[in-house]
Amino acid sequence: MTDYKGIKTFDELIEKEHGKIGTESRNEYEEGAQMFIVSEMLKEARKTANMTQEQLAIKAGTKKSYISKIENAKGNIQLSTLIRIFEKGLNKKVGLTFL
């Protein structure tokens, strides 16, 4: 059982559960968390546009299975394809921030 005594912030909790920034465990956690965020953003944008996965795939020039894979946070995504899905498929501009 993990001892959570003394943990006061979310960052402290993440560090306790997944290690310090730069460790393999933490990197895997961060990657999964980012993938989840992208998947939820895509689902929400597609639903707001009243589109099926198939309709979005056709408009973006990709396959329904690829849209499904992204929405289920599975596999690797090419940045260029993700941008094309949002920009061509959903008429959304994509901005990137590097920290």
PDB file of N, CA and C in Angstrom:
ATOM      1  N   MET A   1       0.840  -1.180   0.000  1.00  0.00           N
ATOM      2  CA  MET A   1       0.000   0.000   0.000  1.00  0.00           C
ATOM      3  C   MET A   1       0.887   1.245   0.000  1.00  0.00           C
ATOM      4  N   THR A   2       0.579   2.184  -0.884  1.00  0.00           N
ATOM      5  CA  THR A   2       1.369   3.410  -1.000  1.00  0.00           C
ATOM      6  C   THR A   2       0.968   4.392   0.086  1.00  0.00           C
ATOM      7  N   ASP A   3       1.965   5.035   0.670  1.00  0.00           N
ATOM      8  CA  ASP A   3       1.730   6.030   1.707  1.00  0.00           C
ATOM      9  C   ASP A   3       1.615   7.409   1.054  1.00  0.00           C
ATOM     10  N   TYR A   4       0.447   8.028   1.174  1.00  0.00           N
ATOM     11  CA  TYR A   4       0.197   9.338   0.569  1.00  0.00           C
ATOM     12  C   TYR A   4       0.269  10.459   1.604  1.00  0.00           C
ATOM     13  N   LYS A   5       0.718  10.139   2.806  1.00  0.00           N
ATOM     14  CA  LYS A   5       0.811  11.124   3.880  1.00  0.00           C
ATOM     15  C   LYS A   5       1.811  12.209   3.492  1.00  0.00           C
ATOM     16  N   GLY A   6       1.437  13.430   3.691  1.00  0.00           N
ATOM     17  CA  GLY A   6       2.321  14.550   3.408  1.00  0.00           C
ATOM     18  C   GLY A   6       2.239  15.078   1.987  1.00  0.00           C
ATOM     19  N   ILE A   7       1.508  14.391   1.106  1.00  0.00           N
ATOM     20  CA  ILE A   7       1.364  14.858  -0.277  1.00  0.00           C
ATOM     21  C   ILE A   7       0.314  15.964  -0.295  1.00  0.00           C
ATOM     22  N   LYS A   8       0.718  17.110  -0.862  1.00  0.00           N
ATOM     23  CA  LYS A   8      -0.182  18.270  -0.847  1.00  0.00           C
ATOM     24  C   LYS A   8      -0.574  18.755  -2.232  1.00  0.00           C
ATOM     25  N   THR A   9       0.177  18.350  -3.259  1.00  0.00           N
ATOM     26  CA  THR A   9      -0.127  18.840  -4.600  1.00  0.00           C
ATOM     27  C   THR A   9      -0.249  17.673  -5.573  1.00  0.00           C
ATOM     28  N   PHE A  10      -0.862  17.953  -6.696  1.00  0.00           N
ATOM     29  CA  PHE A  10      -0.999  16.950  -7.748  1.00  0.00           C
ATOM     30  C   PHE A  10       0.374  16.544  -8.275  1.00  0.00           C
ATOM     31  N   ASP A  11       1.269  17.510  -8.425  1.00  0.00           N
ATOM     32  CA  ASP A  11       2.621  17.208  -8.893  1.00  0.00           C
ATOM     33  C   ASP A  11       3.345  16.254  -7.945  1.00  0.00           C
ATOM     34  N   GLU A  12       3.164  16.455  -6.650  1.00  0.00           N
ATOM     35  CA  GLU A  12       3.769  15.541  -5.675  1.00  0.00           C
ATOM     36  C   GLU A  12       3.189  14.137  -5.804  1.00  0.00           C
ATOM     37  N   LEU A  13       1.896  14.048  -6.045  1.00  0.00           N
ATOM     38  CA  LEU A  13       1.246  12.751  -6.224  1.00  0.00           C
ATOM     39  C   LEU A  13       1.776  12.043  -7.466  1.00  0.00           C
ATOM     40  N   ILE A  14       1.880  12.771  -8.572  1.00  0.00           N
ATOM     41  CA  ILE A  14       2.402  12.186  -9.813  1.00  0.00           C
ATOM     42  C   ILE A  14       3.834  11.713  -9.613  1.00  0.00           C
ATOM     43  N   GLU A  15       4.630  12.508  -8.924  1.00  0.00           N
ATOM     44  CA  GLU A  15       6.017  12.115  -8.672  1.00  0.00           C
ATOM     45  C   GLU A  15       6.079  10.864  -7.793  1.00  0.00           C
ATOM     46  N   LYS A  16       5.206  10.788  -6.809  1.00  0.00           N
ATOM     47  CA  LYS A  16       5.160   9.609  -5.930  1.00  0.00           C
ATOM     48  C   LYS A  16       4.768   8.365  -6.724  1.00  0.00           C
ATOM     49  N   GLU A  17       3.796   8.501  -7.591  1.00  0.00           N
ATOM     50  CA  GLU A  17       3.275   7.353  -8.361  1.00  0.00           C
ATOM     51  C   GLU A  17       4.154   6.972  -9.547  1.00  0.00           C
ATOM     52  N   HIS A  18       4.752   7.975 -10.226  1.00  0.00           N
ATOM     53  CA  HIS A  18       5.423   7.709 -11.505  1.00  0.00           C
ATOM     54  C   HIS A  18       6.880   8.149 -11.565  1.00  0.00           C
ATOM     55  N   GLY A  19       7.386   8.683 -10.484  1.00  0.00           N
ATOM     56  CA  GLY A  19       8.792   9.062 -10.446  1.00  0.00           C
ATOM     57  C   GLY A  19       9.030  10.503 -10.868  1.00  0.00           C
ATOM     58  N   LYS A  20      10.272  10.882 -10.794  1.00  0.00           N
ATOM     59  CA  LYS A  20      10.669  12.254 -11.143  1.00  0.00           C
ATOM     60  C   LYS A  20      10.641  12.450 -12.657  1.00  0.00           C
ATOM     61  N   ILE A  21      10.521  13.700 -13.071  1.00  0.00           N
ATOM     62  CA  ILE A  21      10.542  14.047 -14.485  1.00  0.00           C
ATOM     63  C   ILE A  21      11.834  13.529 -15.096  1.00  0.00           C
ATOM     64  N   GLY A  22      11.704  12.867 -16.233  1.00  0.00           N
ATOM     65  CA  GLY A  22      12.865  12.325 -16.935  1.00  0.00           C
ATOM     66  C   GLY A  22      13.062  10.834 -16.731  1.00  0.00           C
ATOM     67  N   THR A  23      12.396  10.257 -15.722  1.00  0.00           N
ATOM     68  CA  THR A  23      12.516   8.814 -15.529  1.00  0.00           C
ATOM     69  C   THR A  23      11.635   8.101 -16.544  1.00  0.00           C
ATOM     70  N   GLU A  24      11.959   6.852 -16.822  1.00  0.00           N
ATOM     71  CA  GLU A  24      11.193   6.093 -17.817  1.00  0.00           C
ATOM     72  C   GLU A  24       9.724   5.974 -17.435  1.00  0.00           C
ATOM     73  N   SER A  25       9.455   5.685 -16.171  1.00  0.00           N
ATOM     74  CA  SER A  25       8.078   5.555 -15.707  1.00  0.00           C
ATOM     75  C   SER A  25       7.307   6.860 -15.889  1.00  0.00           C
ATOM     76  N   ARG A  26       7.947   7.963 -15.535  1.00  0.00           N
ATOM     77  CA  ARG A  26       7.290   9.271 -15.657  1.00  0.00           C
ATOM     78  C   ARG A  26       7.052   9.623 -17.117  1.00  0.00           C
ATOM     79  N   ASN A  27       8.033   9.339 -17.979  1.00  0.00           N
ATOM     80  CA  ASN A  27       7.876   9.619 -19.404  1.00  0.00           C
ATOM     81  C   ASN A  27       6.711   8.832 -19.992  1.00  0.00           C
ATOM     82  N   GLU A  28       6.579   7.562 -19.612  1.00  0.00           N
ATOM     83  CA  GLU A  28       5.466   6.742 -20.094  1.00  0.00           C
ATOM     84  C   GLU A  28       4.134   7.304 -19.612  1.00  0.00           C
ATOM     85  N   TYR A  29       4.085   7.719 -18.346  1.00  0.00           N
ATOM     86  CA  TYR A  29       2.870   8.312 -17.807  1.00  0.00           C
ATOM     87  C   TYR A  29       2.498   9.584 -18.561  1.00  0.00           C
ATOM     88  N   GLU A  30       3.483  10.464 -18.758  1.00  0.00           N
ATOM     89  CA  GLU A  30       3.232  11.734 -19.443  1.00  0.00           C
ATOM     90  C   GLU A  30       2.751  11.505 -20.871  1.00  0.00           C
ATOM     91  N   GLU A  31       3.365  10.556 -21.558  1.00  0.00           N
ATOM     92  CA  GLU A  31       2.962  10.248 -22.926  1.00  0.00           C
ATOM     93  C   GLU A  31       1.518   9.753 -22.968  1.00  0.00           C
ATOM     94  N   GLY A  32       1.169   8.871 -22.045  1.00  0.00           N
ATOM     95  CA  GLY A  32      -0.207   8.369 -21.977  1.00  0.00           C
ATOM     96  C   GLY A  32      -1.200   9.468 -21.656  1.00  0.00           C
ATOM     97  N   ALA A  33      -0.828  10.348 -20.753  1.00  0.00           N
ATOM     98  CA  ALA A  33      -1.708  11.453 -20.376  1.00  0.00           C
ATOM     99  C   ALA A  33      -1.926  12.397 -21.556  1.00  0.00           C
ATOM    100  N   GLN A  34      -0.870  12.692 -22.291  1.00  0.00           N
ATOM    101  CA  GLN A  34      -0.991  13.564 -23.451  1.00  0.00           C
ATOM    102  C   GLN A  34      -1.847  12.913 -24.535  1.00  0.00           C
ATOM    103  N   MET A  35      -1.652  11.621 -24.724  1.00  0.00           N
ATOM    104  CA  MET A  35      -2.448  10.896 -25.724  1.00  0.00           C
ATOM    105  C   MET A  35      -3.929  10.921 -25.341  1.00  0.00           C
ATOM    106  N   PHE A  36      -4.217  10.767 -24.058  1.00  0.00           N
ATOM    107  CA  PHE A  36      -5.603  10.820 -23.585  1.00  0.00           C
ATOM    108  C   PHE A  36      -6.213  12.187 -23.864  1.00  0.00           C
ATOM    109  N   ILE A  37      -5.462  13.247 -23.604  1.00  0.00           N
ATOM    110  CA  ILE A  37      -5.961  14.605 -23.841  1.00  0.00           C
ATOM    111  C   ILE A  37      -6.262  14.809 -25.321  1.00  0.00           C
ATOM    112  N   VAL A  38      -5.352  14.390 -26.192  1.00  0.00           N
ATOM    113  CA  VAL A  38      -5.571  14.522 -27.635  1.00  0.00           C
ATOM    114  C   VAL A  38      -6.801  13.726 -28.051  1.00  0.00           C
ATOM    115  N   SER A  39      -6.952  12.530 -27.520  1.00  0.00           N
ATOM    116  CA  SER A  39      -8.098  11.694 -27.893  1.00  0.00           C
ATOM    117  C   SER A  39      -9.414  12.353 -27.495  1.00  0.00           C
ATOM    118  N   GLU A  40      -9.448  12.931 -26.305  1.00  0.00           N
ATOM    119  CA  GLU A  40     -10.669  13.591 -25.841  1.00  0.00           C
ATOM    120  C   GLU A  40     -10.965  14.857 -26.638  1.00  0.00           C
ATOM    121  N   MET A  41      -9.914  15.597 -26.997  1.00  0.00           N
ATOM    122  CA  MET A  41     -10.106  16.803 -27.807  1.00  0.00           C
ATOM    123  C   MET A  41     -10.678  16.441 -29.176  1.00  0.00           C
ATOM    124  N   LEU A  42     -10.157  15.381 -29.776  1.00  0.00           N
ATOM    125  CA  LEU A  42     -10.642  14.969 -31.086  1.00  0.00           C
ATOM    126  C   LEU A  42     -12.084  14.498 -31.010  1.00  0.00           C
ATOM    127  N   LYS A  43     -12.399  13.673 -30.029  1.00  0.00           N
ATOM    128  CA  LYS A  43     -13.783  13.191 -29.874  1.00  0.00           C
ATOM    129  C   LYS A  43     -14.752  14.352 -29.721  1.00  0.00           C
ATOM    130  N   GLU A  44     -14.400  15.291 -28.840  1.00  0.00           N
ATOM    131  CA  GLU A  44     -15.276  16.432 -28.583  1.00  0.00           C
ATOM    132  C   GLU A  44     -15.453  17.284 -29.839  1.00  0.00           C
ATOM    133  N   ALA A  45     -14.369  17.558 -30.548  1.00  0.00           N
ATOM    134  CA  ALA A  45     -14.455  18.373 -31.767  1.00  0.00           C
ATOM    135  C   ALA A  45     -15.289  17.671 -32.835  1.00  0.00           C
ATOM    136  N   ARG A  46     -15.103  16.363 -32.977  1.00  0.00           N
ATOM    137  CA  ARG A  46     -15.867  15.607 -33.979  1.00  0.00           C
ATOM    138  C   ARG A  46     -17.354  15.598 -33.633  1.00  0.00           C
ATOM    139  N   LYS A  47     -17.672  15.382 -32.370  1.00  0.00           N
ATOM    140  CA  LYS A  47     -19.078  15.354 -31.950  1.00  0.00           C
ATOM    141  C   LYS A  47     -19.728  16.733 -32.082  1.00  0.00           C
ATOM    142  N   THR A  48     -18.973  17.778 -31.762  1.00  0.00           N
ATOM    143  CA  THR A  48     -19.476  19.148 -31.914  1.00  0.00           C
ATOM    144  C   THR A  48     -19.783  19.438 -33.382  1.00  0.00           C
ATOM    145  N   ALA A  49     -18.979  18.871 -34.272  1.00  0.00           N
ATOM    146  CA  ALA A  49     -19.192  19.049 -35.712  1.00  0.00           C
ATOM    147  C   ALA A  49     -20.264  18.103 -36.252  1.00  0.00           C
ATOM    148  N   ASN A  50     -20.857  17.302 -35.381  1.00  0.00           N
ATOM    149  CA  ASN A  50     -21.888  16.324 -35.771  1.00  0.00           C
ATOM    150  C   ASN A  50     -21.409  15.407 -36.893  1.00  0.00           C
ATOM    151  N   MET A  51     -20.208  14.887 -36.725  1.00  0.00           N
ATOM    152  CA  MET A  51     -19.622  14.002 -37.722  1.00  0.00           C
ATOM    153  C   MET A  51     -19.386  12.619 -37.121  1.00  0.00           C
ATOM    154  N   THR A  52     -19.508  11.615 -37.963  1.00  0.00           N
ATOM    155  CA  THR A  52     -19.110  10.275 -37.560  1.00  0.00           C
ATOM    156  C   THR A  52     -17.609  10.145 -37.777  1.00  0.00           C
ATOM    157  N   GLN A  53     -17.033   9.095 -37.252  1.00  0.00           N
ATOM    158  CA  GLN A  53     -15.615   8.836 -37.492  1.00  0.00           C
ATOM    159  C   GLN A  53     -15.373   8.637 -38.984  1.00  0.00           C
ATOM    160  N   GLU A  54     -16.292   7.967 -39.645  1.00  0.00           N
ATOM    161  CA  GLU A  54     -16.167   7.712 -41.089  1.00  0.00           C
ATOM    162  C   GLU A  54     -16.187   9.022 -41.873  1.00  0.00           C
ATOM    163  N   GLN A  55     -17.115   9.916 -41.546  1.00  0.00           N
ATOM    164  CA  GLN A  55     -17.199  11.201 -42.236  1.00  0.00           C
ATOM    165  C   GLN A  55     -15.929  12.020 -42.037  1.00  0.00           C
ATOM    166  N   LEU A  56     -15.432  12.031 -40.811  1.00  0.00           N
ATOM    167  CA  LEU A  56     -14.203  12.771 -40.523  1.00  0.00           C
ATOM    168  C   LEU A  56     -13.027  12.168 -41.281  1.00  0.00           C
ATOM    169  N   ALA A  57     -12.936  10.871 -41.307  1.00  0.00           N
ATOM    170  CA  ALA A  57     -11.842  10.200 -42.005  1.00  0.00           C
ATOM    171  C   ALA A  57     -11.840  10.560 -43.487  1.00  0.00           C
ATOM    172  N   ILE A  58     -12.999  10.538 -44.106  1.00  0.00           N
ATOM    173  CA  ILE A  58     -13.097  10.868 -45.530  1.00  0.00           C
ATOM    174  C   ILE A  58     -12.665  12.316 -45.765  1.00  0.00           C
ATOM    175  N   LYS A  59     -13.177  13.219 -44.963  1.00  0.00           N
ATOM    176  CA  LYS A  59     -12.862  14.639 -45.129  1.00  0.00           C
ATOM    177  C   LYS A  59     -11.375  14.923 -44.887  1.00  0.00           C
ATOM    178  N   ALA A  60     -10.757  14.191 -43.954  1.00  0.00           N
ATOM    179  CA  ALA A  60      -9.348  14.417 -43.605  1.00  0.00           C
ATOM    180  C   ALA A  60      -8.390  13.582 -44.451  1.00  0.00           C
ATOM    181  N   GLY A  61      -8.928  12.681 -45.264  1.00  0.00           N
ATOM    182  CA  GLY A  61      -8.074  11.860 -46.116  1.00  0.00           C
ATOM    183  C   GLY A  61      -7.349  10.753 -45.371  1.00  0.00           C
ATOM    184  N   THR A  62      -8.027  10.158 -44.399  1.00  0.00           N
ATOM    185  CA  THR A  62      -7.446   9.043 -43.651  1.00  0.00           C
ATOM    186  C   THR A  62      -8.491   7.948 -43.512  1.00  0.00           C
ATOM    187  N   LYS A  63      -8.250   6.973 -42.668  1.00  0.00           N
ATOM    188  CA  LYS A  63      -9.181   5.854 -42.492  1.00  0.00           C
ATOM    189  C   LYS A  63      -9.930   5.980 -41.176  1.00  0.00           C
ATOM    190  N   LYS A  64     -11.150   5.439 -41.161  1.00  0.00           N
ATOM    191  CA  LYS A  64     -11.955   5.427 -39.943  1.00  0.00           C
ATOM    192  C   LYS A  64     -11.200   4.735 -38.822  1.00  0.00           C
ATOM    193  N   SER A  65     -10.501   3.665 -39.135  1.00  0.00           N
ATOM    194  CA  SER A  65      -9.762   2.921 -38.106  1.00  0.00           C
ATOM    195  C   SER A  65      -8.695   3.798 -37.452  1.00  0.00           C
ATOM    196  N   TYR A  66      -8.112   4.716 -38.220  1.00  0.00           N
ATOM    197  CA  TYR A  66      -7.105   5.622 -37.674  1.00  0.00           C
ATOM    198  C   TYR A  66      -7.748   6.624 -36.720  1.00  0.00           C
ATOM    199  N   ILE A  67      -8.909   7.154 -37.109  1.00  0.00           N
ATOM    200  CA  ILE A  67      -9.649   8.078 -36.241  1.00  0.00           C
ATOM    201  C   ILE A  67     -10.014   7.363 -34.940  1.00  0.00           C
ATOM    202  N   SER A  68     -10.504   6.145 -35.062  1.00  0.00           N
ATOM    203  CA  SER A  68     -10.868   5.350 -33.891  1.00  0.00           C
ATOM    204  C   SER A  68      -9.668   5.109 -32.989  1.00  0.00           C
ATOM    205  N   LYS A  69      -8.539   4.790 -33.587  1.00  0.00           N
ATOM    206  CA  LYS A  69      -7.309   4.543 -32.826  1.00  0.00           C
ATOM    207  C   LYS A  69      -6.922   5.790 -32.023  1.00  0.00           C
ATOM    208  N   ILE A  70      -7.016   6.949 -32.646  1.00  0.00           N
ATOM    209  CA  ILE A  70      -6.678   8.192 -31.940  1.00  0.00           C
ATOM    210  C   ILE A  70      -7.676   8.445 -30.817  1.00  0.00           C
ATOM    211  N   GLU A  71      -8.964   8.297 -31.121  1.00  0.00           N
ATOM    212  CA  GLU A  71      -9.997   8.565 -30.120  1.00  0.00           C
ATOM    213  C   GLU A  71      -9.940   7.595 -28.945  1.00  0.00           C
ATOM    214  N   ASN A  72      -9.341   6.450 -29.145  1.00  0.00           N
ATOM    215  CA  ASN A  72      -9.198   5.471 -28.068  1.00  0.00           C
ATOM    216  C   ASN A  72      -7.796   5.494 -27.454  1.00  0.00           C
ATOM    217  N   ALA A  73      -7.015   6.528 -27.796  1.00  0.00           N
ATOM    218  CA  ALA A  73      -5.669   6.729 -27.248  1.00  0.00           C
ATOM    219  C   ALA A  73      -4.785   5.501 -27.439  1.00  0.00           C
ATOM    220  N   LYS A  74      -4.845   4.917 -28.627  1.00  0.00           N
ATOM    221  CA  LYS A  74      -4.045   3.733 -28.946  1.00  0.00           C
ATOM    222  C   LYS A  74      -3.038   4.067 -30.032  1.00  0.00           C
ATOM    223  N   GLY A  75      -1.863   3.493 -29.933  1.00  0.00           N
ATOM    224  CA  GLY A  75      -0.869   3.605 -30.998  1.00  0.00           C
ATOM    225  C   GLY A  75      -0.219   4.966 -31.102  1.00  0.00           C
ATOM    226  N   ASN A  76       0.623   5.090 -32.093  1.00  0.00           N
ATOM    227  CA  ASN A  76       1.348   6.331 -32.354  1.00  0.00           C
ATOM    228  C   ASN A  76       0.607   7.175 -33.379  1.00  0.00           C
ATOM    229  N   ILE A  77       0.715   8.466 -33.217  1.00  0.00           N
ATOM    230  CA  ILE A  77       0.077   9.393 -34.139  1.00  0.00           C
ATOM    231  C   ILE A  77       1.160  10.244 -34.777  1.00  0.00           C
ATOM    232  N   GLN A  78       1.092  10.378 -36.085  1.00  0.00           N
ATOM    233  CA  GLN A  78       1.996  11.319 -36.751  1.00  0.00           C
ATOM    234  C   GLN A  78       1.410  12.712 -36.588  1.00  0.00           C
ATOM    235  N   LEU A  79       2.261  13.643 -36.204  1.00  0.00           N
ATOM    236  CA  LEU A  79       1.815  15.011 -35.977  1.00  0.00           C
ATOM    237  C   LEU A  79       1.185  15.608 -37.228  1.00  0.00           C
ATOM    238  N   SER A  80       1.775  15.348 -38.384  1.00  0.00           N
ATOM    239  CA  SER A  80       1.231  15.898 -39.632  1.00  0.00           C
ATOM    240  C   SER A  80      -0.180  15.379 -39.900  1.00  0.00           C
ATOM    241  N   THR A  81      -0.420  14.119 -39.583  1.00  0.00           N
ATOM    242  CA  THR A  81      -1.751  13.545 -39.798  1.00  0.00           C
ATOM    243  C   THR A  81      -2.743  14.123 -38.792  1.00  0.00           C
ATOM    244  N   LEU A  82      -2.328  14.275 -37.552  1.00  0.00           N
ATOM    245  CA  LEU A  82      -3.204  14.857 -36.539  1.00  0.00           C
ATOM    246  C   LEU A  82      -3.599  16.280 -36.921  1.00  0.00           C
ATOM    247  N   ILE A  83      -2.625  17.057 -37.380  1.00  0.00           N
ATOM    248  CA  ILE A  83      -2.920  18.424 -37.812  1.00  0.00           C
ATOM    249  C   ILE A  83      -3.884  18.407 -38.986  1.00  0.00           C
ATOM    250  N   ARG A  84      -3.674  17.524 -39.955  1.00  0.00           N
ATOM    251  CA  ARG A  84      -4.564  17.427 -41.110  1.00  0.00           C
ATOM    252  C   ARG A  84      -5.988  17.060 -40.673  1.00  0.00           C
ATOM    253  N   ILE A  85      -6.122  16.158 -39.715  1.00  0.00           N
ATOM    254  CA  ILE A  85      -7.454  15.764 -39.239  1.00  0.00           C
ATOM    255  C   ILE A  85      -8.172  16.968 -38.640  1.00  0.00           C
ATOM    256  N   PHE A  86      -7.474  17.721 -37.799  1.00  0.00           N
ATOM    257  CA  PHE A  86      -8.117  18.884 -37.185  1.00  0.00           C
ATOM    258  C   PHE A  86      -8.361  20.002 -38.199  1.00  0.00           C
ATOM    259  N   GLU A  87      -7.377  20.282 -39.042  1.00  0.00           N
ATOM    260  CA  GLU A  87      -7.510  21.425 -39.941  1.00  0.00           C
ATOM    261  C   GLU A  87      -8.381  21.128 -41.150  1.00  0.00           C
ATOM    262  N   LYS A  88      -8.137  20.033 -41.853  1.00  0.00           N
ATOM    263  CA  LYS A  88      -8.945  19.706 -43.043  1.00  0.00           C
ATOM    264  C   LYS A  88     -10.268  19.070 -42.660  1.00  0.00           C
ATOM    265  N   GLY A  89     -10.224  18.175 -41.682  1.00  0.00           N
ATOM    266  CA  GLY A  89     -11.429  17.440 -41.318  1.00  0.00           C
ATOM    267  C   GLY A  89     -12.405  18.224 -40.476  1.00  0.00           C
ATOM    268  N   LEU A  90     -11.886  19.074 -39.598  1.00  0.00           N
ATOM    269  CA  LEU A  90     -12.753  19.775 -38.648  1.00  0.00           C
ATOM    270  C   LEU A  90     -12.691  21.295 -38.767  1.00  0.00           C
ATOM    271  N   ASN A  91     -11.917  21.796 -39.718  1.00  0.00           N
ATOM    272  CA  ASN A  91     -11.766  23.242 -39.907  1.00  0.00           C
ATOM    273  C   ASN A  91     -11.315  23.953 -38.634  1.00  0.00           C
ATOM    274  N   LYS A  92     -10.394  23.323 -37.917  1.00  0.00           N
ATOM    275  CA  LYS A  92      -9.837  23.889 -36.687  1.00  0.00           C
ATOM    276  C   LYS A  92      -8.364  24.188 -36.904  1.00  0.00           C
ATOM    277  N   LYS A  93      -7.899  25.282 -36.365  1.00  0.00           N
ATOM    278  CA  LYS A  93      -6.482  25.601 -36.407  1.00  0.00           C
ATOM    279  C   LYS A  93      -5.793  24.905 -35.241  1.00  0.00           C
ATOM    280  N   VAL A  94      -4.587  24.441 -35.485  1.00  0.00           N
ATOM    281  CA  VAL A  94      -3.813  23.756 -34.460  1.00  0.00           C
ATOM    282  C   VAL A  94      -2.623  24.630 -34.083  1.00  0.00           C
ATOM    283  N   GLY A  95      -2.420  24.822 -32.802  1.00  0.00           N
ATOM    284  CA  GLY A  95      -1.267  25.540 -32.287  1.00  0.00           C
ATOM    285  C   GLY A  95      -0.495  24.631 -31.349  1.00  0.00           C
ATOM    286  N   LEU A  96       0.798  24.753 -31.352  1.00  0.00           N
ATOM    287  CA  LEU A  96       1.639  23.933 -30.491  1.00  0.00           C
ATOM    288  C   LEU A  96       2.379  24.818 -29.498  1.00  0.00           C
ATOM    289  N   THR A  97       2.510  24.314 -28.293  1.00  0.00           N
ATOM    290  CA  THR A  97       3.273  25.005 -27.277  1.00  0.00           C
ATOM    291  C   THR A  97       4.306  24.027 -26.746  1.00  0.00           C
ATOM    292  N   PHE A  98       5.554  24.451 -26.717  1.00  0.00           N
ATOM    293  CA  PHE A  98       6.611  23.635 -26.167  1.00  0.00           C
ATOM    294  C   PHE A  98       7.054  24.249 -24.857  1.00  0.00           C
ATOM    295  N   LEU A  99       7.123  23.430 -23.838  1.00  0.00           N
ATOM    296  CA  LEU A  99       7.517  23.914 -22.505  1.00  0.00           C
ATOM    297  C   LEU A  99       8.915  23.459 -22.163  1.00  0.00           C
TER     298      LEU A  99
END
